[in-house]
Amino acid sequence: MKQIELPNGLICVVGQRNHEGLTLSATVKVGHLNEPKLGLAAVYEKVIMLQAPEVATIYGGTITSYLTGGETKDFKAYIEKMAKLVAYPELNEELLKNAVEDIIRHNRDRNVLPRRQLKLLYKHTAFSGNIVWDTEAYTASLLSLTVEDLQSFHDCYFTGKNIIIGVSGIPAAKILPELEEAFSKVPSGTPQKAELPEYTGGYGYLRLHPTENGHGSFNRVLMGWDISALVNVADANVMMSMLSGRLERKFAEAGIDAAIEVRVAGYYGCRTLRIAVECGPQTDVNVMLDIICANIKRLKNEFASERRMETSRNRAMVEKLLKFQQPDSAAVEISWQILKRGFMYDIADRINNTWRVSARNVMEVSQEIFNDNPTVVVASEVHPAFIYSLEEIVDKMK
């Protein structure tokens, strides 16, 4: 990876050429958390996408990444297009109107989707003290936005000291001069900083309505812990791989068909270790929680066998390698690390550290993470009075 900083403060990162085609990204230090008006970040992103359909957007709470790419022979055209979007985008009444209408329609369509509602409930429970999402208030704010708001937003955040340009698929010696020429005209601006919200954790419940057969369509549990300040990340990666494998096995042994996910989830620029388990409506939510809690308790209190350690280390390493073989995912991760921490960790070192993780390391990182306040949200048609309380869940993990 080659990194340079232009005189205006803009950072360009060129990855190794290990895949076919060009990937180009612009990551800006602004998102929904630090937007000056509710919904402004989303509207601005949609305006960009309306005038450049080939550009995808990835949201990160305090950062936003714009991604595009294609054949390497056309790299100059892609750079020119991205530079124009970053420095001189079209911001007018028609684009604003179309963007607002699209977002309002999209939100109202998705507002009835229970998995989306549960995801919103999770992040607001974890970081915002159980603030309830208000679709109508959000809609009213969108309708109040002006072109002047868009321009002020652009002038504040789309500046050299708040942007990272990422490229892969082209040798650094060939691409860096083009990047310097295209992006050196971006104003330096002032570095912007968002105050991250305080993690609180807590308990949330989403009531699902019965379907035509008289039962809910599923039961879903999300459990999470704040890992924004975690240092021993390799240990946590191995532990998460181990937990995922054990949960898959334990639910299968219980004869329960379960969709299981153990991952790092980013919200508002913070990161949580999140466990998601979804089963059919016939599965008791408390049984789901019993299996999850028992396996967390096991991680905290029992050393894993060497065979289990070997399997988990290998799984964690493969997951990391796969992530960085995907140019889009790699570009976002690199930009996020540089903007948040000021540097990108060495991928080879992270993978090498994975092989050195011991059973004691896994136990210690499990205790560090799982002894903190959890976030627990449940979606079910079962009344919450018949589901374990937060206190009972915490007690089961001791």
Protein backbone atom coordinates (compact mmCIF):
# COMPACT_ATOMS: atom_id res chain seq x y z
CA MET A 1 0.00 0.00 0.00
CA LYS A 2 1.34 3.42 -1.03
CA GLN A 3 0.08 6.57 0.73
CA ILE A 4 0.75 10.24 -0.02
CA GLU A 5 -0.69 13.49 1.28
CA LEU A 6 -1.28 16.36 -1.14
CA PRO A 7 -0.48 19.98 -0.14
CA ASN A 8 -4.20 20.60 0.49
CA GLY A 9 -4.28 17.81 3.08
CA LEU A 10 -6.09 15.26 0.90
CA ILE A 11 -4.72 11.73 1.34
CA CYS A 12 -4.35 9.31 -1.58
CA VAL A 13 -3.95 5.58 -0.89
CA VAL A 14 -3.00 3.14 -3.65
CA GLY A 15 -3.47 -0.55 -2.89
CA GLN A 16 -1.57 -3.45 -4.33
CA ARG A 17 -2.67 -4.62 -7.74
CA ASN A 18 -4.02 -8.08 -6.91
CA HIS A 19 -7.21 -8.12 -8.98
CA GLU A 20 -8.52 -7.25 -12.40
CA GLY A 21 -10.06 -3.84 -12.99
CA LEU A 22 -9.97 -0.45 -11.33
CA THR A 23 -11.56 0.40 -7.99
CA LEU A 24 -11.78 4.07 -7.04
CA SER A 25 -13.22 5.50 -3.82
CA ALA A 26 -13.62 8.85 -2.12
CA THR A 27 -14.25 8.66 1.62
CA VAL A 28 -15.42 11.84 3.35
CA LYS A 29 -15.36 12.53 7.06
CA VAL A 30 -19.10 13.16 7.42
CA GLY A 31 -22.18 11.05 7.99
CA HIS A 32 -25.54 10.99 9.71
CA LEU A 33 -24.03 11.62 13.14
CA ASN A 34 -22.40 14.96 12.38
CA GLU A 35 -24.87 16.31 9.81
CA PRO A 36 -25.93 19.89 10.67
CA LYS A 37 -29.60 19.15 9.80
CA LEU A 38 -31.51 15.89 10.15
CA GLY A 39 -31.38 13.97 6.88
CA LEU A 40 -28.99 16.33 5.10
CA ALA A 41 -26.24 13.72 4.72
CA ALA A 42 -28.67 11.23 3.17
CA VAL A 43 -30.07 13.82 0.76
CA TYR A 44 -26.60 14.92 -0.32
CA GLU A 45 -25.59 11.30 -0.93
CA LYS A 46 -28.72 10.72 -3.00
CA VAL A 47 -28.06 13.88 -5.06
CA ILE A 48 -24.60 12.52 -5.89
CA MET A 49 -26.01 9.14 -6.87
CA LEU A 50 -28.70 10.72 -9.09
CA GLN A 51 -26.09 12.51 -11.18
CA ALA A 52 -23.66 9.58 -11.14
CA PRO A 53 -25.62 6.27 -11.12
CA GLU A 54 -22.40 4.31 -11.51
CA VAL A 55 -21.23 5.51 -8.07
CA ALA A 56 -22.26 3.43 -5.04
CA THR A 57 -22.48 4.84 -1.53
CA ILE A 58 -21.51 3.18 1.76
CA TYR A 59 -22.61 4.85 4.99
CA GLY A 60 -20.55 4.72 8.17
CA GLY A 61 -22.19 7.13 10.59
CA THR A 62 -19.27 9.56 10.73
CA ILE A 63 -17.88 8.79 7.27
CA THR A 64 -19.36 8.22 3.83
CA SER A 65 -17.62 6.37 0.99
CA TYR A 66 -18.35 6.87 -2.70
CA LEU A 67 -17.22 3.93 -4.82
CA THR A 68 -16.86 3.31 -8.53
CA GLY A 69 -14.66 1.39 -10.92
CA GLY A 70 -14.27 -0.33 -14.25
CA GLU A 71 -11.66 -1.20 -16.82
CA THR A 72 -8.15 -0.04 -16.02
CA LYS A 73 -7.67 1.45 -19.48
CA ASP A 74 -10.32 4.07 -18.61
CA PHE A 75 -8.82 5.06 -15.25
CA LYS A 76 -8.27 8.71 -16.24
CA ALA A 77 -11.95 9.17 -17.07
CA TYR A 78 -12.98 7.64 -13.74
CA ILE A 79 -10.59 9.92 -11.83
CA GLU A 80 -11.89 13.00 -13.64
CA LYS A 81 -15.49 12.00 -12.87
CA MET A 82 -14.77 11.41 -9.19
CA ALA A 83 -12.82 14.67 -8.91
CA LYS A 84 -15.77 16.58 -10.35
CA LEU A 85 -18.17 14.96 -7.88
CA VAL A 86 -15.88 15.79 -4.98
CA ALA A 87 -15.03 19.36 -6.01
CA TYR A 88 -17.87 20.62 -8.24
CA PRO A 89 -21.02 18.48 -7.98
CA GLU A 90 -24.34 19.58 -9.45
CA LEU A 91 -26.53 20.94 -6.64
CA ASN A 92 -29.85 22.26 -7.88
CA GLU A 93 -33.58 22.33 -7.09
CA GLU A 94 -34.52 19.47 -9.40
CA LEU A 95 -31.92 17.09 -7.98
CA LEU A 96 -32.87 18.11 -4.43
CA LYS A 97 -36.59 17.51 -5.10
CA ASN A 98 -35.97 14.10 -6.69
CA ALA A 99 -33.61 13.04 -3.90
CA VAL A 100 -36.02 14.00 -1.12
CA GLU A 101 -38.95 12.26 -2.81
CA ASP A 102 -36.92 9.09 -3.32
CA ILE A 103 -35.75 8.95 0.31
CA ILE A 104 -39.22 9.61 1.71
CA ARG A 105 -40.73 6.88 -0.47
CA HIS A 106 -37.91 4.47 0.41
CA ASN A 107 -38.23 5.06 4.16
CA ARG A 108 -41.99 4.63 4.17
CA ASP A 109 -41.68 1.43 2.17
CA ARG A 110 -39.09 0.04 4.57
CA ASN A 111 -40.71 1.34 7.75
CA VAL A 112 -42.98 -1.70 7.88
CA LEU A 113 -40.09 -4.18 7.53
CA PRO A 114 -39.46 -5.75 10.95
CA ARG A 115 -35.78 -6.54 10.39
CA ARG A 116 -35.10 -2.91 9.51
CA GLN A 117 -37.08 -1.77 12.55
CA LEU A 118 -35.09 -4.14 14.76
CA LYS A 119 -31.79 -2.87 13.38
CA LEU A 120 -32.82 0.72 14.12
CA LEU A 121 -33.95 -0.33 17.59
CA TYR A 122 -30.58 -2.01 18.17
CA LYS A 123 -28.46 1.02 17.36
CA HIS A 124 -30.70 3.46 19.22
CA THR A 125 -30.72 1.18 22.26
CA ALA A 126 -26.95 0.77 22.14
CA PHE A 127 -25.97 4.41 21.63
CA SER A 128 -28.88 6.77 22.05
CA GLY A 129 -30.69 5.78 25.22
CA ASN A 130 -33.70 4.11 23.54
CA ILE A 131 -34.56 7.05 21.29
CA VAL A 132 -37.43 5.92 19.06
CA TRP A 133 -37.07 6.52 15.33
CA ASP A 134 -39.70 9.00 14.14
CA THR A 135 -40.30 8.61 10.41
CA GLU A 136 -42.65 11.59 10.16
CA ALA A 137 -40.24 13.96 11.93
CA TYR A 138 -37.48 12.78 9.62
CA THR A 139 -39.72 13.38 6.59
CA ALA A 140 -40.55 16.92 7.74
CA SER A 141 -36.85 17.70 8.10
CA LEU A 142 -36.11 16.41 4.59
CA LEU A 143 -38.82 18.62 3.10
CA SER A 144 -37.31 21.69 4.78
CA LEU A 145 -33.87 21.29 3.18
CA THR A 146 -32.67 23.76 0.53
CA VAL A 147 -30.01 23.92 -2.17
CA GLU A 148 -28.18 26.35 0.10
CA ASP A 149 -28.07 23.63 2.76
CA LEU A 150 -26.50 21.25 0.26
CA GLN A 151 -23.91 23.82 -0.78
CA SER A 152 -22.97 24.67 2.81
CA PHE A 153 -22.68 20.96 3.58
CA HIS A 154 -20.37 20.47 0.60
CA ASP A 155 -18.20 23.50 1.38
CA CYS A 156 -17.71 22.39 4.99
CA TYR A 157 -16.93 18.70 4.56
CA PHE A 158 -15.81 18.09 0.97
CA THR A 159 -12.37 19.58 1.51
CA GLY A 160 -8.84 18.22 1.32
CA LYS A 161 -8.42 17.73 5.06
CA ASN A 162 -11.57 15.62 5.27
CA ILE A 163 -11.16 13.30 2.26
CA ILE A 164 -9.27 10.12 1.43
CA ILE A 165 -9.02 8.88 -2.15
CA GLY A 166 -8.44 5.15 -2.51
CA VAL A 167 -7.37 3.34 -5.68
CA SER A 168 -6.54 -0.25 -6.50
CA GLY A 169 -5.84 -2.02 -9.78
CA ILE A 170 -3.30 0.52 -11.14
CA PRO A 171 0.41 0.69 -10.19
CA ALA A 172 1.20 3.56 -7.83
CA ALA A 173 3.82 5.10 -10.13
CA LYS A 174 1.24 5.39 -12.89
CA ILE A 175 -1.76 6.56 -10.88
CA LEU A 176 -0.32 8.98 -8.30
CA PRO A 177 0.53 11.78 -10.77
CA GLU A 178 -3.03 11.63 -12.10
CA LEU A 179 -4.48 11.77 -8.59
CA GLU A 180 -2.30 14.76 -7.70
CA GLU A 181 -3.41 16.66 -10.80
CA ALA A 182 -7.11 15.85 -10.36
CA PHE A 183 -7.52 16.43 -6.62
CA SER A 184 -4.97 19.14 -5.82
CA LYS A 185 -7.58 21.77 -6.73
CA VAL A 186 -9.88 20.73 -3.87
CA PRO A 187 -9.82 23.46 -1.17
CA SER A 188 -7.90 22.53 1.98
CA GLY A 189 -10.73 23.42 4.35
CA THR A 190 -10.77 22.74 8.07
CA PRO A 191 -10.56 19.23 9.60
CA GLN A 192 -13.98 18.24 10.93
CA LYS A 193 -14.53 16.05 13.96
CA ALA A 194 -17.66 14.31 15.20
CA GLU A 195 -18.18 13.56 18.86
CA LEU A 196 -19.10 9.91 19.02
CA PRO A 197 -22.14 9.00 21.10
CA GLU A 198 -21.78 7.28 24.44
CA TYR A 199 -22.43 3.58 24.47
CA THR A 200 -25.12 2.75 27.03
CA GLY A 201 -26.42 -0.68 26.08
CA GLY A 202 -29.87 -1.70 27.24
CA TYR A 203 -32.91 -3.76 26.32
CA GLY A 204 -35.40 -3.30 23.48
CA TYR A 205 -38.42 -5.22 22.24
CA LEU A 206 -40.23 -5.18 18.88
CA ARG A 207 -43.68 -6.74 18.76
CA LEU A 208 -44.31 -8.76 15.61
CA HIS A 209 -47.87 -9.13 14.40
CA PRO A 210 -49.20 -12.63 13.69
CA THR A 211 -49.42 -13.70 10.05
CA GLU A 212 -52.40 -15.37 8.38
CA ASN A 213 -51.58 -18.70 10.03
CA GLY A 214 -51.83 -17.08 13.46
CA HIS A 215 -48.10 -17.01 14.20
CA GLY A 216 -45.28 -14.54 13.70
CA SER A 217 -42.99 -15.18 10.76
CA PHE A 218 -39.83 -15.48 12.91
CA ASN A 219 -38.15 -14.77 16.24
CA ARG A 220 -34.95 -12.71 16.06
CA VAL A 221 -32.43 -11.79 18.77
CA LEU A 222 -29.65 -9.21 18.47
CA MET A 223 -27.05 -8.96 21.24
CA GLY A 224 -24.09 -6.59 21.17
CA TRP A 225 -21.19 -5.11 23.11
CA ASP A 226 -19.14 -1.96 22.49
CA ILE A 227 -15.68 -2.72 21.06
CA SER A 228 -14.83 0.73 19.71
CA ALA A 229 -11.75 0.96 21.95
CA LEU A 230 -10.68 -2.67 21.62
CA VAL A 231 -6.93 -3.10 21.19
CA ASN A 232 -6.40 -6.86 20.98
CA VAL A 233 -8.38 -7.22 17.76
CA ALA A 234 -6.74 -10.45 16.53
CA ASP A 235 -7.80 -12.17 19.76
CA ALA A 236 -11.37 -10.93 19.26
CA ASN A 237 -11.43 -12.13 15.64
CA VAL A 238 -10.50 -15.65 16.70
CA MET A 239 -13.01 -15.57 19.56
CA MET A 240 -15.80 -14.45 17.21
CA SER A 241 -15.00 -17.25 14.77
CA MET A 242 -15.09 -19.73 17.64
CA LEU A 243 -18.39 -18.39 18.95
CA SER A 244 -19.98 -18.51 15.51
CA GLY A 245 -18.96 -22.13 15.03
CA ARG A 246 -20.16 -23.17 18.46
CA LEU A 247 -23.53 -21.47 18.06
CA GLU A 248 -24.08 -23.16 14.70
CA ARG A 249 -23.32 -26.54 16.27
CA LYS A 250 -25.38 -26.05 19.44
CA PHE A 251 -28.49 -24.88 17.59
CA ALA A 252 -28.14 -27.84 15.19
CA GLU A 253 -27.75 -30.27 18.12
CA ALA A 254 -30.97 -28.84 19.60
CA GLY A 255 -32.75 -29.53 16.32
CA ILE A 256 -33.31 -25.81 15.70
CA ASP A 257 -32.95 -24.29 12.25
CA ALA A 258 -31.20 -20.99 12.96
CA ALA A 259 -29.61 -18.24 10.88
CA ILE A 260 -26.57 -17.11 12.87
CA GLU A 261 -24.23 -14.17 12.42
CA VAL A 262 -21.36 -13.01 14.63
CA ARG A 263 -19.74 -9.88 13.27
CA VAL A 264 -18.41 -6.41 13.93
CA ALA A 265 -21.23 -3.95 13.22
CA GLY A 266 -20.54 -0.24 12.73
CA TYR A 267 -23.02 2.32 13.99
CA TYR A 268 -22.50 6.09 14.14
CA GLY A 269 -18.75 5.62 13.75
CA CYS A 270 -18.64 3.24 16.74
CA ARG A 271 -18.26 -0.52 16.53
CA THR A 272 -20.04 -3.31 18.34
CA LEU A 273 -19.54 -7.03 18.42
CA ARG A 274 -23.02 -8.16 17.40
CA ILE A 275 -24.61 -11.59 17.59
CA ALA A 276 -27.73 -12.11 15.46
CA VAL A 277 -29.82 -15.27 15.68
CA GLU A 278 -33.08 -15.80 13.80
CA CYS A 279 -35.35 -18.84 14.15
CA GLY A 280 -38.85 -19.81 13.15
CA PRO A 281 -41.84 -18.71 15.26
CA GLN A 282 -42.08 -22.17 16.83
CA THR A 283 -38.73 -21.72 18.61
CA ASP A 284 -38.95 -20.34 22.15
CA VAL A 285 -37.07 -17.02 22.41
CA ASN A 286 -35.80 -18.02 25.84
CA VAL A 287 -34.31 -21.21 24.39
CA MET A 288 -32.47 -19.06 21.84
CA LEU A 289 -31.16 -16.82 24.61
CA ASP A 290 -30.17 -19.83 26.73
CA ILE A 291 -27.99 -21.22 23.94
CA ILE A 292 -26.35 -17.85 23.23
CA CYS A 293 -25.68 -17.08 26.90
CA ALA A 294 -24.35 -20.59 27.65
CA ASN A 295 -21.79 -20.30 24.87
CA ILE A 296 -20.70 -16.83 25.96
CA LYS A 297 -20.31 -18.12 29.50
CA ARG A 298 -18.24 -20.99 28.18
CA LEU A 299 -15.90 -18.61 26.34
CA LYS A 300 -15.37 -16.59 29.51
CA ASN A 301 -14.73 -19.53 31.81
CA GLU A 302 -13.27 -22.46 29.85
CA PHE A 303 -10.08 -22.84 27.83
CA ALA A 304 -10.72 -24.02 24.29
CA SER A 305 -9.04 -27.19 23.07
CA GLU A 306 -6.07 -26.88 20.74
CA ARG A 307 -8.12 -28.39 17.93
CA ARG A 308 -10.83 -25.78 18.44
CA MET A 309 -8.17 -23.04 18.54
CA GLU A 310 -6.64 -24.23 15.28
CA THR A 311 -10.02 -24.30 13.54
CA SER A 312 -10.99 -20.85 14.86
CA ARG A 313 -7.64 -19.26 13.97
CA ASN A 314 -7.87 -20.61 10.44
CA ARG A 315 -11.46 -19.39 10.04
CA ALA A 316 -10.57 -15.92 11.33
CA MET A 317 -7.59 -15.66 8.99
CA VAL A 318 -9.63 -16.72 5.96
CA GLU A 319 -12.34 -14.16 6.79
CA LYS A 320 -9.75 -11.38 7.01
CA LEU A 321 -8.09 -12.41 3.74
CA LEU A 322 -11.44 -12.59 1.94
CA LYS A 323 -12.34 -9.12 3.18
CA PHE A 324 -9.21 -7.54 1.78
CA GLN A 325 -9.50 -9.41 -1.50
CA GLN A 326 -12.68 -7.41 -2.11
CA PRO A 327 -11.49 -3.98 -3.33
CA ASP A 328 -14.60 -2.11 -2.15
CA SER A 329 -14.46 -3.52 1.39
CA ALA A 330 -10.72 -2.94 1.60
CA ALA A 331 -11.03 0.67 0.42
CA VAL A 332 -13.64 1.50 3.05
CA GLU A 333 -11.75 -0.21 5.88
CA ILE A 334 -8.47 1.54 5.02
CA SER A 335 -10.14 4.95 4.77
CA TRP A 336 -12.08 4.43 8.01
CA GLN A 337 -8.92 3.50 9.91
CA ILE A 338 -6.93 6.47 8.58
CA LEU A 339 -9.70 9.00 9.25
CA LYS A 340 -10.48 7.66 12.72
CA ARG A 341 -7.03 6.63 13.99
CA GLY A 342 -4.66 8.45 11.65
CA PHE A 343 -3.12 5.25 10.23
CA MET A 344 -3.99 1.90 8.68
CA TYR A 345 -2.98 -1.22 10.56
CA ASP A 346 -0.64 -3.66 8.82
CA ILE A 347 -2.82 -6.41 7.35
CA ALA A 348 0.03 -8.94 7.26
CA ASP A 349 0.78 -8.28 10.95
CA ARG A 350 -2.90 -8.70 11.84
CA ILE A 351 -3.01 -12.05 10.06
CA ASN A 352 0.28 -13.17 11.60
CA ASN A 353 -1.00 -12.17 15.04
CA THR A 354 -4.03 -14.37 14.43
CA TRP A 355 -1.81 -17.46 14.35
CA ARG A 356 -0.32 -16.49 17.74
CA VAL A 357 -3.66 -16.20 19.57
CA SER A 358 -3.84 -18.67 22.45
CA ALA A 359 -6.74 -20.18 24.38
CA ARG A 360 -5.91 -17.85 27.26
CA ASN A 361 -6.04 -14.85 24.91
CA VAL A 362 -9.52 -15.91 23.80
CA MET A 363 -10.71 -16.30 27.38
CA GLU A 364 -9.28 -12.91 28.41
CA VAL A 365 -10.76 -10.99 25.47
CA SER A 366 -14.10 -12.72 26.08
CA GLN A 367 -14.08 -11.52 29.67
CA GLU A 368 -13.09 -8.02 28.57
CA ILE A 369 -15.92 -7.76 26.07
CA PHE A 370 -18.74 -9.78 27.57
CA ASN A 371 -18.41 -8.40 31.11
CA ASP A 372 -19.43 -4.98 29.73
CA ASN A 373 -23.04 -3.79 29.45
CA PRO A 374 -24.84 -5.68 26.67
CA THR A 375 -27.37 -4.45 24.18
CA VAL A 376 -30.23 -6.91 23.76
CA VAL A 377 -33.16 -6.44 21.37
CA VAL A 378 -35.78 -9.04 20.55
CA ALA A 379 -38.39 -9.26 17.78
CA SER A 380 -41.22 -11.69 18.51
CA GLU A 381 -44.99 -11.99 18.77
CA VAL A 382 -44.50 -13.30 22.32
CA HIS A 383 -45.23 -10.71 25.00
CA PRO A 384 -42.01 -9.43 26.64
CA ALA A 385 -43.33 -10.52 30.03
CA PHE A 386 -42.61 -14.10 28.92
CA ILE A 387 -39.05 -13.33 27.72
CA TYR A 388 -35.99 -13.11 29.95
CA SER A 389 -35.28 -9.65 31.34
CA LEU A 390 -31.94 -7.93 30.77
CA GLU A 391 -30.91 -8.76 34.34
CA GLU A 392 -31.69 -12.44 33.82
CA ILE A 393 -29.73 -12.50 30.56
CA VAL A 394 -26.69 -10.87 32.18
CA ASP A 395 -26.87 -13.35 35.07
CA LYS A 396 -26.90 -16.29 32.62
CA MET A 397 -23.61 -15.14 31.08
CA LYS A 398 -21.66 -14.94 34.36
